[in-house]
N, C-alpha and C. Protein backbone atom coordinates (compact mmCIF):
# COMPACT_ATOMS: atom_id res chain seq x y z
N MET A 1 20.05 204.16 153.56
CA MET A 1 19.08 203.60 152.64
C MET A 1 19.53 203.73 151.19
N THR A 2 20.35 204.74 150.89
CA THR A 2 20.80 204.91 149.51
C THR A 2 21.89 203.92 149.13
N GLU A 3 22.54 203.30 150.11
CA GLU A 3 23.62 202.37 149.80
C GLU A 3 23.17 201.20 148.92
N PRO A 4 22.07 200.48 149.21
CA PRO A 4 21.64 199.41 148.31
C PRO A 4 21.32 199.93 146.91
N ILE A 5 20.74 201.10 146.81
CA ILE A 5 20.42 201.67 145.50
C ILE A 5 21.71 201.99 144.75
N ASP A 6 22.68 202.58 145.45
CA ASP A 6 23.97 202.88 144.82
C ASP A 6 24.67 201.61 144.35
N GLN A 7 24.60 200.55 145.15
CA GLN A 7 25.20 199.27 144.76
C GLN A 7 24.50 198.71 143.52
N GLU A 8 23.19 198.86 143.47
CA GLU A 8 22.43 198.37 142.33
C GLU A 8 22.81 199.15 141.08
N VAL A 9 22.92 200.47 141.19
CA VAL A 9 23.30 201.30 140.04
C VAL A 9 24.70 200.92 139.57
N GLU A 10 25.63 200.72 140.48
CA GLU A 10 26.99 200.32 140.12
C GLU A 10 27.00 198.94 139.43
N ALA A 11 26.18 198.03 139.93
CA ALA A 11 26.09 196.71 139.31
C ALA A 11 25.55 196.82 137.88
N ILE A 12 24.54 197.66 137.70
CA ILE A 12 23.97 197.87 136.35
C ILE A 12 25.04 198.44 135.43
N LYS A 13 25.79 199.42 135.90
CA LYS A 13 26.86 200.03 135.09
C LYS A 13 27.90 198.98 134.71
N ALA A 14 28.28 198.14 135.66
CA ALA A 14 29.28 197.10 135.39
C ALA A 14 28.78 196.10 134.36
N VAL A 15 27.53 195.70 134.49
CA VAL A 15 26.95 194.74 133.53
C VAL A 15 26.89 195.37 132.15
N LEU A 16 26.42 196.61 132.05
CA LEU A 16 26.35 197.30 130.75
C LEU A 16 27.73 197.45 130.14
N ALA A 17 28.71 197.81 130.95
CA ALA A 17 30.07 197.97 130.43
C ALA A 17 30.62 196.64 129.92
N ALA A 18 30.29 195.55 130.59
CA ALA A 18 30.78 194.24 130.18
C ALA A 18 30.08 193.73 128.93
N LEU A 19 28.78 194.02 128.79
CA LEU A 19 27.99 193.48 127.68
C LEU A 19 28.03 194.34 126.42
N THR A 20 28.21 195.65 126.55
CA THR A 20 28.13 196.55 125.40
C THR A 20 29.05 196.16 124.25
N PRO A 21 30.32 195.79 124.49
CA PRO A 21 31.18 195.46 123.34
C PRO A 21 30.86 194.11 122.68
N LEU A 22 30.03 193.30 123.30
CA LEU A 22 29.74 191.96 122.77
C LEU A 22 28.66 192.01 121.70
N SER A 23 28.65 190.99 120.85
CA SER A 23 27.58 190.84 119.85
C SER A 23 26.28 190.49 120.55
N GLY A 24 25.18 190.64 119.85
CA GLY A 24 23.87 190.31 120.41
C GLY A 24 23.80 188.86 120.85
N LYS A 25 24.38 187.97 120.05
CA LYS A 25 24.35 186.54 120.39
C LYS A 25 25.17 186.28 121.65
N ALA A 26 26.33 186.92 121.75
CA ALA A 26 27.18 186.73 122.93
C ALA A 26 26.50 187.31 124.17
N ARG A 27 25.86 188.47 124.03
CA ARG A 27 25.13 189.06 125.17
C ARG A 27 24.07 188.10 125.67
N SER A 28 23.31 187.56 124.71
CA SER A 28 22.24 186.63 125.07
C SER A 28 22.79 185.41 125.79
N SER A 29 23.90 184.89 125.29
CA SER A 29 24.52 183.72 125.90
C SER A 29 24.97 184.02 127.32
N VAL A 30 25.61 185.17 127.52
CA VAL A 30 26.07 185.55 128.85
C VAL A 30 24.90 185.71 129.81
N LEU A 31 23.86 186.42 129.36
CA LEU A 31 22.70 186.64 130.22
C LEU A 31 21.98 185.33 130.54
N ASP A 32 21.91 184.45 129.55
CA ASP A 32 21.28 183.14 129.78
C ASP A 32 22.06 182.36 130.84
N TYR A 33 23.39 182.35 130.71
CA TYR A 33 24.20 181.63 131.68
C TYR A 33 24.03 182.21 133.08
N VAL A 34 24.13 183.54 133.19
CA VAL A 34 24.03 184.18 134.51
C VAL A 34 22.65 183.92 135.11
N THR A 35 21.61 183.99 134.29
CA THR A 35 20.26 183.74 134.78
C THR A 35 20.15 182.32 135.33
N ARG A 36 20.68 181.35 134.59
CA ARG A 36 20.64 179.96 135.06
C ARG A 36 21.52 179.76 136.28
N ARG A 37 22.72 180.35 136.27
CA ARG A 37 23.67 180.17 137.37
C ARG A 37 23.12 180.70 138.68
N LEU A 38 22.36 181.81 138.62
CA LEU A 38 21.80 182.41 139.82
C LEU A 38 20.37 181.94 140.10
N ASP A 39 19.89 180.96 139.32
CA ASP A 39 18.53 180.44 139.47
C ASP A 39 17.49 181.55 139.46
N LEU A 40 17.62 182.45 138.49
CA LEU A 40 16.68 183.55 138.35
C LEU A 40 15.63 183.22 137.30
N VAL A 41 14.42 183.69 137.49
CA VAL A 41 13.37 183.60 136.48
C VAL A 41 13.17 185.02 135.99
N PRO A 42 13.39 185.25 134.68
CA PRO A 42 13.24 186.60 134.16
C PRO A 42 11.84 187.15 134.44
N PRO A 43 11.73 188.45 134.79
CA PRO A 43 10.41 189.02 135.05
C PRO A 43 9.53 188.92 133.82
N GLY A 44 8.30 188.51 134.02
CA GLY A 44 7.34 188.40 132.92
C GLY A 44 7.55 187.20 132.03
N ALA A 45 8.45 186.29 132.41
CA ALA A 45 8.68 185.10 131.60
C ALA A 45 7.45 184.21 131.63
N PRO A 46 7.04 183.70 130.45
CA PRO A 46 5.87 182.84 130.42
C PRO A 46 6.16 181.48 131.02
N SER A 47 5.15 180.88 131.54
CA SER A 47 5.27 179.52 132.04
C SER A 47 4.60 178.61 131.04
N LEU A 48 5.40 177.78 130.38
CA LEU A 48 4.86 176.88 129.36
C LEU A 48 4.53 175.55 130.02
N VAL A 49 3.28 175.26 130.13
CA VAL A 49 2.87 174.00 130.73
C VAL A 49 2.60 173.02 129.61
N PRO A 50 3.38 171.91 129.55
CA PRO A 50 3.18 170.95 128.48
C PRO A 50 1.72 170.49 128.39
N GLY A 51 1.23 170.46 127.15
CA GLY A 51 -0.12 169.98 126.92
C GLY A 51 -1.19 171.05 127.05
N VAL A 52 -0.80 172.25 127.46
CA VAL A 52 -1.78 173.33 127.59
C VAL A 52 -1.68 174.21 126.36
N ALA A 53 -2.81 174.50 125.76
CA ALA A 53 -2.83 175.33 124.56
C ALA A 53 -2.30 176.71 124.89
N LEU A 54 -1.55 177.27 123.96
CA LEU A 54 -0.98 178.59 124.18
C LEU A 54 -1.94 179.66 123.67
N SER A 55 -2.10 180.69 124.46
CA SER A 55 -2.88 181.84 124.02
C SER A 55 -1.94 183.00 123.83
N SER A 56 -2.43 184.10 123.32
CA SER A 56 -1.57 185.25 123.11
C SER A 56 -0.99 185.75 124.42
N SER A 57 -1.67 185.52 125.53
CA SER A 57 -1.17 185.99 126.81
C SER A 57 -0.06 185.09 127.36
N THR A 58 0.07 183.87 126.84
CA THR A 58 1.11 182.99 127.35
C THR A 58 2.25 182.80 126.35
N SER A 59 2.11 183.31 125.16
CA SER A 59 3.20 183.14 124.20
C SER A 59 4.31 184.12 124.52
N THR A 60 5.50 183.81 124.05
CA THR A 60 6.66 184.65 124.35
C THR A 60 6.58 185.95 123.59
N SER A 61 6.73 187.03 124.29
CA SER A 61 6.75 188.33 123.64
C SER A 61 8.17 188.62 123.20
N PRO A 62 8.37 189.55 122.25
CA PRO A 62 9.71 189.84 121.76
C PRO A 62 10.65 190.32 122.86
N THR A 63 10.12 190.89 123.94
CA THR A 63 10.97 191.41 125.00
C THR A 63 11.25 190.38 126.08
N SER A 64 10.62 189.23 126.02
CA SER A 64 10.81 188.20 127.04
C SER A 64 12.16 187.53 126.85
N ALA A 65 12.83 187.22 127.96
CA ALA A 65 14.14 186.57 127.91
C ALA A 65 14.00 185.08 127.63
N THR A 66 12.84 184.50 127.85
CA THR A 66 12.62 183.09 127.63
C THR A 66 12.24 182.85 126.17
N VAL A 67 12.88 181.87 125.56
CA VAL A 67 12.59 181.53 124.17
C VAL A 67 11.54 180.43 124.15
N HIS A 68 10.54 180.60 123.34
CA HIS A 68 9.48 179.61 123.19
C HIS A 68 9.99 178.48 122.30
N ILE A 69 9.57 177.26 122.53
CA ILE A 69 10.02 176.11 121.76
C ILE A 69 9.74 176.29 120.27
N LYS A 70 8.63 176.91 119.91
CA LYS A 70 8.32 177.12 118.48
C LYS A 70 9.33 178.05 117.84
N ASN A 71 9.69 179.12 118.55
CA ASN A 71 10.68 180.05 118.02
C ASN A 71 12.05 179.39 117.92
N PHE A 72 12.39 178.57 118.92
CA PHE A 72 13.66 177.87 118.91
C PHE A 72 13.71 176.89 117.74
N LYS A 73 12.62 176.17 117.54
CA LYS A 73 12.53 175.24 116.40
C LYS A 73 12.67 175.99 115.09
N ASP A 74 12.00 177.13 114.97
CA ASP A 74 12.08 177.94 113.74
C ASP A 74 13.51 178.43 113.49
N ASP A 75 14.21 178.79 114.56
CA ASP A 75 15.60 179.23 114.42
C ASP A 75 16.53 178.10 114.01
N LYS A 76 16.32 176.92 114.55
CA LYS A 76 17.20 175.78 114.29
C LYS A 76 16.86 175.03 113.00
N ARG A 77 15.61 175.10 112.56
CA ARG A 77 15.14 174.46 111.32
C ARG A 77 15.52 172.98 111.19
N PRO A 78 15.06 172.14 112.14
CA PRO A 78 15.36 170.70 112.02
C PRO A 78 14.74 170.13 110.75
N ARG A 79 15.46 169.18 110.13
CA ARG A 79 15.00 168.59 108.87
C ARG A 79 14.36 167.23 109.03
N SER A 80 14.42 166.67 110.25
CA SER A 80 13.86 165.34 110.46
C SER A 80 13.35 165.24 111.88
N ALA A 81 12.60 164.18 112.15
CA ALA A 81 12.12 163.93 113.50
C ALA A 81 13.29 163.68 114.45
N ASN A 82 14.35 163.04 113.96
CA ASN A 82 15.54 162.82 114.80
C ASN A 82 16.14 164.15 115.23
N GLU A 83 16.29 165.07 114.29
CA GLU A 83 16.84 166.37 114.61
C GLU A 83 15.91 167.14 115.53
N MET A 84 14.61 167.03 115.30
CA MET A 84 13.65 167.74 116.15
C MET A 84 13.69 167.18 117.57
N ALA A 85 13.87 165.88 117.70
CA ALA A 85 13.98 165.28 119.04
C ALA A 85 15.20 165.87 119.77
N ALA A 86 16.30 166.06 119.05
CA ALA A 86 17.49 166.67 119.64
C ALA A 86 17.21 168.12 120.03
N VAL A 87 16.46 168.83 119.20
CA VAL A 87 16.10 170.22 119.50
C VAL A 87 15.26 170.27 120.78
N VAL A 88 14.29 169.37 120.91
CA VAL A 88 13.44 169.32 122.10
C VAL A 88 14.28 169.03 123.34
N ALA A 89 15.17 168.05 123.25
CA ALA A 89 16.00 167.70 124.41
C ALA A 89 16.91 168.86 124.81
N TYR A 90 17.50 169.52 123.82
CA TYR A 90 18.37 170.67 124.10
C TYR A 90 17.56 171.79 124.75
N TYR A 91 16.38 172.04 124.20
CA TYR A 91 15.51 173.08 124.74
C TYR A 91 15.16 172.79 126.20
N LEU A 92 14.74 171.56 126.48
CA LEU A 92 14.33 171.21 127.85
C LEU A 92 15.51 171.23 128.82
N ALA A 93 16.71 170.94 128.35
CA ALA A 93 17.87 170.93 129.24
C ALA A 93 18.47 172.31 129.46
N ASN A 94 18.33 173.20 128.48
CA ASN A 94 19.08 174.45 128.54
C ASN A 94 18.28 175.74 128.43
N ILE A 95 17.12 175.71 127.82
CA ILE A 95 16.44 176.96 127.47
C ILE A 95 15.09 177.13 128.13
N ALA A 96 14.39 176.05 128.35
CA ALA A 96 13.04 176.12 128.93
C ALA A 96 13.09 176.85 130.27
N PRO A 97 11.95 177.39 130.70
CA PRO A 97 11.91 178.00 132.03
C PRO A 97 12.43 177.01 133.07
N MET A 98 13.08 177.54 134.09
CA MET A 98 13.76 176.70 135.08
C MET A 98 12.88 175.58 135.63
N GLU A 99 11.62 175.88 135.90
CA GLU A 99 10.75 174.87 136.51
C GLU A 99 10.40 173.73 135.55
N GLN A 100 10.69 173.89 134.27
CA GLN A 100 10.40 172.84 133.29
C GLN A 100 11.64 172.11 132.81
N ARG A 101 12.79 172.53 133.23
CA ARG A 101 14.03 171.93 132.73
C ARG A 101 14.19 170.51 133.24
N LYS A 102 14.75 169.69 132.36
CA LYS A 102 15.03 168.30 132.70
C LYS A 102 16.13 167.80 131.79
N GLN A 103 16.86 166.81 132.24
CA GLN A 103 18.02 166.31 131.51
C GLN A 103 17.71 165.12 130.61
N THR A 104 16.54 164.51 130.78
CA THR A 104 16.15 163.40 129.92
C THR A 104 14.78 163.69 129.32
N ILE A 105 14.51 163.04 128.19
CA ILE A 105 13.19 163.18 127.58
C ILE A 105 12.62 161.80 127.27
N ASN A 106 11.32 161.77 127.01
CA ASN A 106 10.64 160.51 126.73
C ASN A 106 9.61 160.73 125.61
N GLN A 107 8.86 159.68 125.29
CA GLN A 107 7.89 159.74 124.21
C GLN A 107 6.85 160.84 124.44
N LYS A 108 6.40 161.00 125.66
CA LYS A 108 5.41 162.03 125.99
C LYS A 108 5.95 163.43 125.67
N ASP A 109 7.23 163.66 125.96
CA ASP A 109 7.84 164.96 125.63
C ASP A 109 7.85 165.18 124.13
N ILE A 110 8.16 164.12 123.38
CA ILE A 110 8.17 164.23 121.92
C ILE A 110 6.79 164.64 121.43
N GLU A 111 5.76 163.92 121.88
CA GLU A 111 4.40 164.23 121.45
C GLU A 111 4.02 165.66 121.82
N THR A 112 4.29 166.06 123.05
CA THR A 112 3.90 167.38 123.54
C THR A 112 4.64 168.49 122.82
N TYR A 113 5.95 168.43 122.79
CA TYR A 113 6.73 169.54 122.25
C TYR A 113 6.73 169.60 120.73
N PHE A 114 6.58 168.47 120.05
CA PHE A 114 6.41 168.53 118.60
C PHE A 114 5.14 169.30 118.29
N LYS A 115 4.07 169.02 119.04
CA LYS A 115 2.79 169.71 118.81
C LYS A 115 2.90 171.20 119.13
N ILE A 116 3.48 171.54 120.29
CA ILE A 116 3.61 172.94 120.67
C ILE A 116 4.45 173.70 119.64
N ALA A 117 5.49 173.07 119.11
CA ALA A 117 6.38 173.71 118.15
C ALA A 117 5.85 173.66 116.72
N SER A 118 4.68 173.05 116.53
CA SER A 118 4.09 172.89 115.19
C SER A 118 5.03 172.13 114.25
N PHE A 119 5.61 171.05 114.76
CA PHE A 119 6.44 170.16 113.95
C PHE A 119 5.65 168.89 113.72
N PRO A 120 5.59 168.39 112.50
CA PRO A 120 4.77 167.20 112.23
C PRO A 120 5.19 165.99 113.08
N LEU A 121 4.21 165.35 113.66
CA LEU A 121 4.47 164.13 114.43
C LEU A 121 4.84 163.00 113.47
N PRO A 122 5.84 162.21 113.83
CA PRO A 122 6.19 161.06 112.99
C PRO A 122 5.08 160.02 113.05
N GLN A 123 5.02 159.15 112.05
CA GLN A 123 3.99 158.12 112.03
C GLN A 123 4.08 157.20 113.23
N GLN A 124 5.28 156.88 113.66
CA GLN A 124 5.47 156.02 114.82
C GLN A 124 6.26 156.79 115.89
N VAL A 125 5.54 157.56 116.68
CA VAL A 125 6.17 158.40 117.70
C VAL A 125 7.00 157.56 118.66
N ARG A 126 6.55 156.36 118.97
CA ARG A 126 7.21 155.54 119.98
C ARG A 126 8.64 155.17 119.60
N VAL A 127 8.99 155.17 118.32
CA VAL A 127 10.35 154.81 117.91
C VAL A 127 11.22 156.03 117.59
N THR A 128 10.68 157.22 117.72
CA THR A 128 11.44 158.43 117.37
C THR A 128 12.72 158.55 118.18
N LEU A 129 12.63 158.38 119.50
CA LEU A 129 13.82 158.52 120.33
C LEU A 129 14.82 157.40 120.08
N LEU A 130 14.34 156.20 119.83
CA LEU A 130 15.24 155.09 119.50
C LEU A 130 15.97 155.39 118.20
N ASN A 131 15.23 155.90 117.20
CA ASN A 131 15.87 156.26 115.92
C ASN A 131 16.90 157.37 116.12
N ALA A 132 16.57 158.36 116.95
CA ALA A 132 17.51 159.46 117.21
C ALA A 132 18.74 158.95 117.98
N LYS A 133 18.53 157.96 118.85
CA LYS A 133 19.66 157.33 119.55
C LYS A 133 20.54 156.60 118.55
N ASN A 134 19.90 155.86 117.64
CA ASN A 134 20.66 155.12 116.62
C ASN A 134 21.38 156.07 115.66
N ALA A 135 20.85 157.29 115.50
CA ALA A 135 21.51 158.29 114.68
C ALA A 135 22.70 158.91 115.40
N GLY A 136 22.82 158.62 116.71
CA GLY A 136 23.97 159.08 117.47
C GLY A 136 23.73 160.30 118.33
N TYR A 137 22.48 160.78 118.45
CA TYR A 137 22.19 162.02 119.17
C TYR A 137 21.89 161.82 120.66
N PHE A 138 21.51 160.60 121.05
CA PHE A 138 21.08 160.33 122.42
C PHE A 138 21.78 159.12 123.00
N ASP A 139 21.80 159.08 124.32
CA ASP A 139 22.16 157.89 125.06
C ASP A 139 20.93 157.46 125.83
N SER A 140 20.74 156.16 125.97
CA SER A 140 19.60 155.65 126.73
C SER A 140 19.84 155.90 128.22
N ALA A 141 18.79 156.39 128.90
CA ALA A 141 18.88 156.62 130.34
C ALA A 141 18.02 155.62 131.10
N GLY A 142 17.42 154.66 130.38
CA GLY A 142 16.58 153.64 131.01
C GLY A 142 15.13 154.07 131.15
N ASP A 143 14.23 153.11 131.24
CA ASP A 143 12.79 153.33 131.42
C ASP A 143 12.19 154.27 130.37
N GLY A 144 12.64 154.15 129.12
CA GLY A 144 12.08 154.96 128.05
C GLY A 144 12.57 156.40 128.05
N GLU A 145 13.56 156.70 128.85
CA GLU A 145 14.13 158.04 128.93
C GLU A 145 15.43 158.08 128.14
N TYR A 146 15.70 159.22 127.50
CA TYR A 146 16.91 159.39 126.71
C TYR A 146 17.55 160.72 127.06
N LYS A 147 18.89 160.72 127.07
CA LYS A 147 19.65 161.93 127.40
C LYS A 147 20.44 162.36 126.16
N LEU A 148 20.35 163.63 125.83
CA LEU A 148 21.11 164.18 124.72
C LEU A 148 22.60 164.03 125.02
N ASN A 149 23.35 163.46 124.07
CA ASN A 149 24.78 163.29 124.29
C ASN A 149 25.54 164.43 123.62
N ALA A 150 26.86 164.37 123.61
CA ALA A 150 27.68 165.44 123.04
C ALA A 150 27.41 165.63 121.56
N VAL A 151 27.18 164.55 120.83
CA VAL A 151 26.90 164.66 119.39
C VAL A 151 25.59 165.43 119.16
N GLY A 152 24.55 165.06 119.91
CA GLY A 152 23.27 165.74 119.79
C GLY A 152 23.36 167.19 120.23
N HIS A 153 24.08 167.43 121.33
CA HIS A 153 24.26 168.79 121.82
C HIS A 153 24.96 169.65 120.75
N ASN A 154 26.05 169.14 120.20
CA ASN A 154 26.79 169.90 119.19
C ASN A 154 25.98 170.12 117.93
N LEU A 155 25.16 169.14 117.57
CA LEU A 155 24.28 169.31 116.41
C LEU A 155 23.41 170.54 116.60
N VAL A 156 22.72 170.60 117.73
CA VAL A 156 21.78 171.70 117.98
C VAL A 156 22.52 173.01 118.23
N ALA A 157 23.52 172.98 119.06
CA ALA A 157 24.20 174.22 119.46
C ALA A 157 25.08 174.81 118.36
N HIS A 158 25.69 173.95 117.54
CA HIS A 158 26.70 174.47 116.61
C HIS A 158 26.45 174.19 115.13
N SER A 159 25.63 173.21 114.80
CA SER A 159 25.45 172.84 113.39
C SER A 159 24.10 173.24 112.81
N MET A 160 23.20 173.70 113.64
CA MET A 160 21.87 174.08 113.15
C MET A 160 21.73 175.59 113.29
N PRO A 161 21.08 176.23 112.36
CA PRO A 161 20.44 175.66 111.18
C PRO A 161 21.48 175.37 110.10
N ARG A 162 21.13 174.46 109.27
CA ARG A 162 21.96 174.15 108.12
C ARG A 162 21.35 174.86 106.93
N GLY A 163 22.10 175.71 106.33
CA GLY A 163 21.55 176.49 105.22
C GLY A 163 22.40 176.38 103.98
N ALA A 164 22.11 177.23 103.03
CA ALA A 164 22.83 177.23 101.77
C ALA A 164 24.30 177.56 101.98
N SER A 165 24.62 178.36 102.99
CA SER A 165 26.00 178.77 103.21
C SER A 165 26.90 177.61 103.58
N ASP A 166 26.39 176.62 104.31
CA ASP A 166 27.25 175.50 104.67
C ASP A 166 27.05 174.30 103.75
N ALA A 167 26.13 174.37 102.82
CA ALA A 167 25.95 173.26 101.88
C ALA A 167 27.16 173.15 100.97
N SER A 168 27.73 174.29 100.56
CA SER A 168 28.87 174.26 99.67
C SER A 168 30.13 173.76 100.38
N THR A 169 30.26 174.03 101.68
CA THR A 169 31.45 173.61 102.39
C THR A 169 31.35 172.17 102.88
N SER A 170 30.15 171.63 102.96
CA SER A 170 30.01 170.28 103.50
C SER A 170 30.15 169.20 102.44
N GLN A 171 30.10 169.59 101.16
CA GLN A 171 30.23 168.58 100.13
C GLN A 171 31.70 168.31 99.85
N ARG A 172 32.03 167.03 99.79
CA ARG A 172 33.40 166.67 99.48
C ARG A 172 33.57 166.64 97.97
N PRO A 173 34.78 166.92 97.50
CA PRO A 173 35.00 166.83 96.06
C PRO A 173 34.81 165.40 95.59
N LYS A 174 34.31 165.26 94.38
CA LYS A 174 34.08 163.93 93.85
C LYS A 174 35.40 163.27 93.52
N ARG A 175 35.46 161.97 93.78
CA ARG A 175 36.66 161.20 93.49
C ARG A 175 36.69 160.86 92.01
N GLN A 176 37.88 160.88 91.47
CA GLN A 176 38.03 160.45 90.09
C GLN A 176 38.11 158.94 90.06
N SER A 177 37.56 158.36 89.04
CA SER A 177 37.66 156.91 88.91
C SER A 177 39.10 156.53 88.59
N ALA A 178 39.46 155.30 88.91
CA ALA A 178 40.82 154.82 88.65
C ALA A 178 41.15 154.88 87.16
N GLN A 179 40.16 154.58 86.32
CA GLN A 179 40.37 154.61 84.89
C GLN A 179 40.66 156.02 84.43
N ARG A 180 39.95 157.00 84.95
CA ARG A 180 40.15 158.39 84.55
C ARG A 180 41.52 158.89 85.02
N ARG A 181 41.95 158.49 86.21
CA ARG A 181 43.27 158.91 86.74
C ARG A 181 44.38 158.31 85.88
N SER A 182 44.25 157.04 85.53
CA SER A 182 45.32 156.39 84.75
C SER A 182 45.39 156.97 83.34
N SER A 183 44.28 157.37 82.77
CA SER A 183 44.32 157.96 81.41
C SER A 183 44.93 159.34 81.43
N ARG A 184 44.80 160.07 82.54
CA ARG A 184 45.40 161.39 82.65
C ARG A 184 46.90 161.30 82.89
N GLN A 185 47.35 160.24 83.53
CA GLN A 185 48.77 160.08 83.82
C GLN A 185 49.57 159.70 82.61
N LYS A 186 48.95 159.20 81.58
CA LYS A 186 49.66 158.73 80.37
C LYS A 186 50.04 159.84 79.46
């Protein structure tokens, strides 16, 4: 009877030894991948049902492994409805509880998750996904469904949030006018 317990203790030791040298972000990434790979639902993880108001008992606690869409939105800080649509699609494909995950999103998802995340709804919700597709973040999947493409994925995973630190590196130097260049060469 002690053999399964001993195996469990050894597994815990191995996991701790592997994760301890990693950064917090890397640990989280590894645990998220393993949880998804093994189709595990973290104990005590909230079940977010779209369209249902959240109470304190259903919101994500600091110790929960599941990230709430509002917290994810706050971390990513989208600046437009197009960016927020990409955040929602990324969340639903990669972060949401397993039973809510999906690879495509539609207008209803935009309405629901913008509200849950406390992000202002655009004036014309029905064109939000089309605009985000035209911005290069989505591919059409047919029947009003859109799939986050590599550009949208990279935006959310690697380029957000955009802060003051990357504002200085993203600006290109101003070009000199031809007249100014020719006067300096003389």
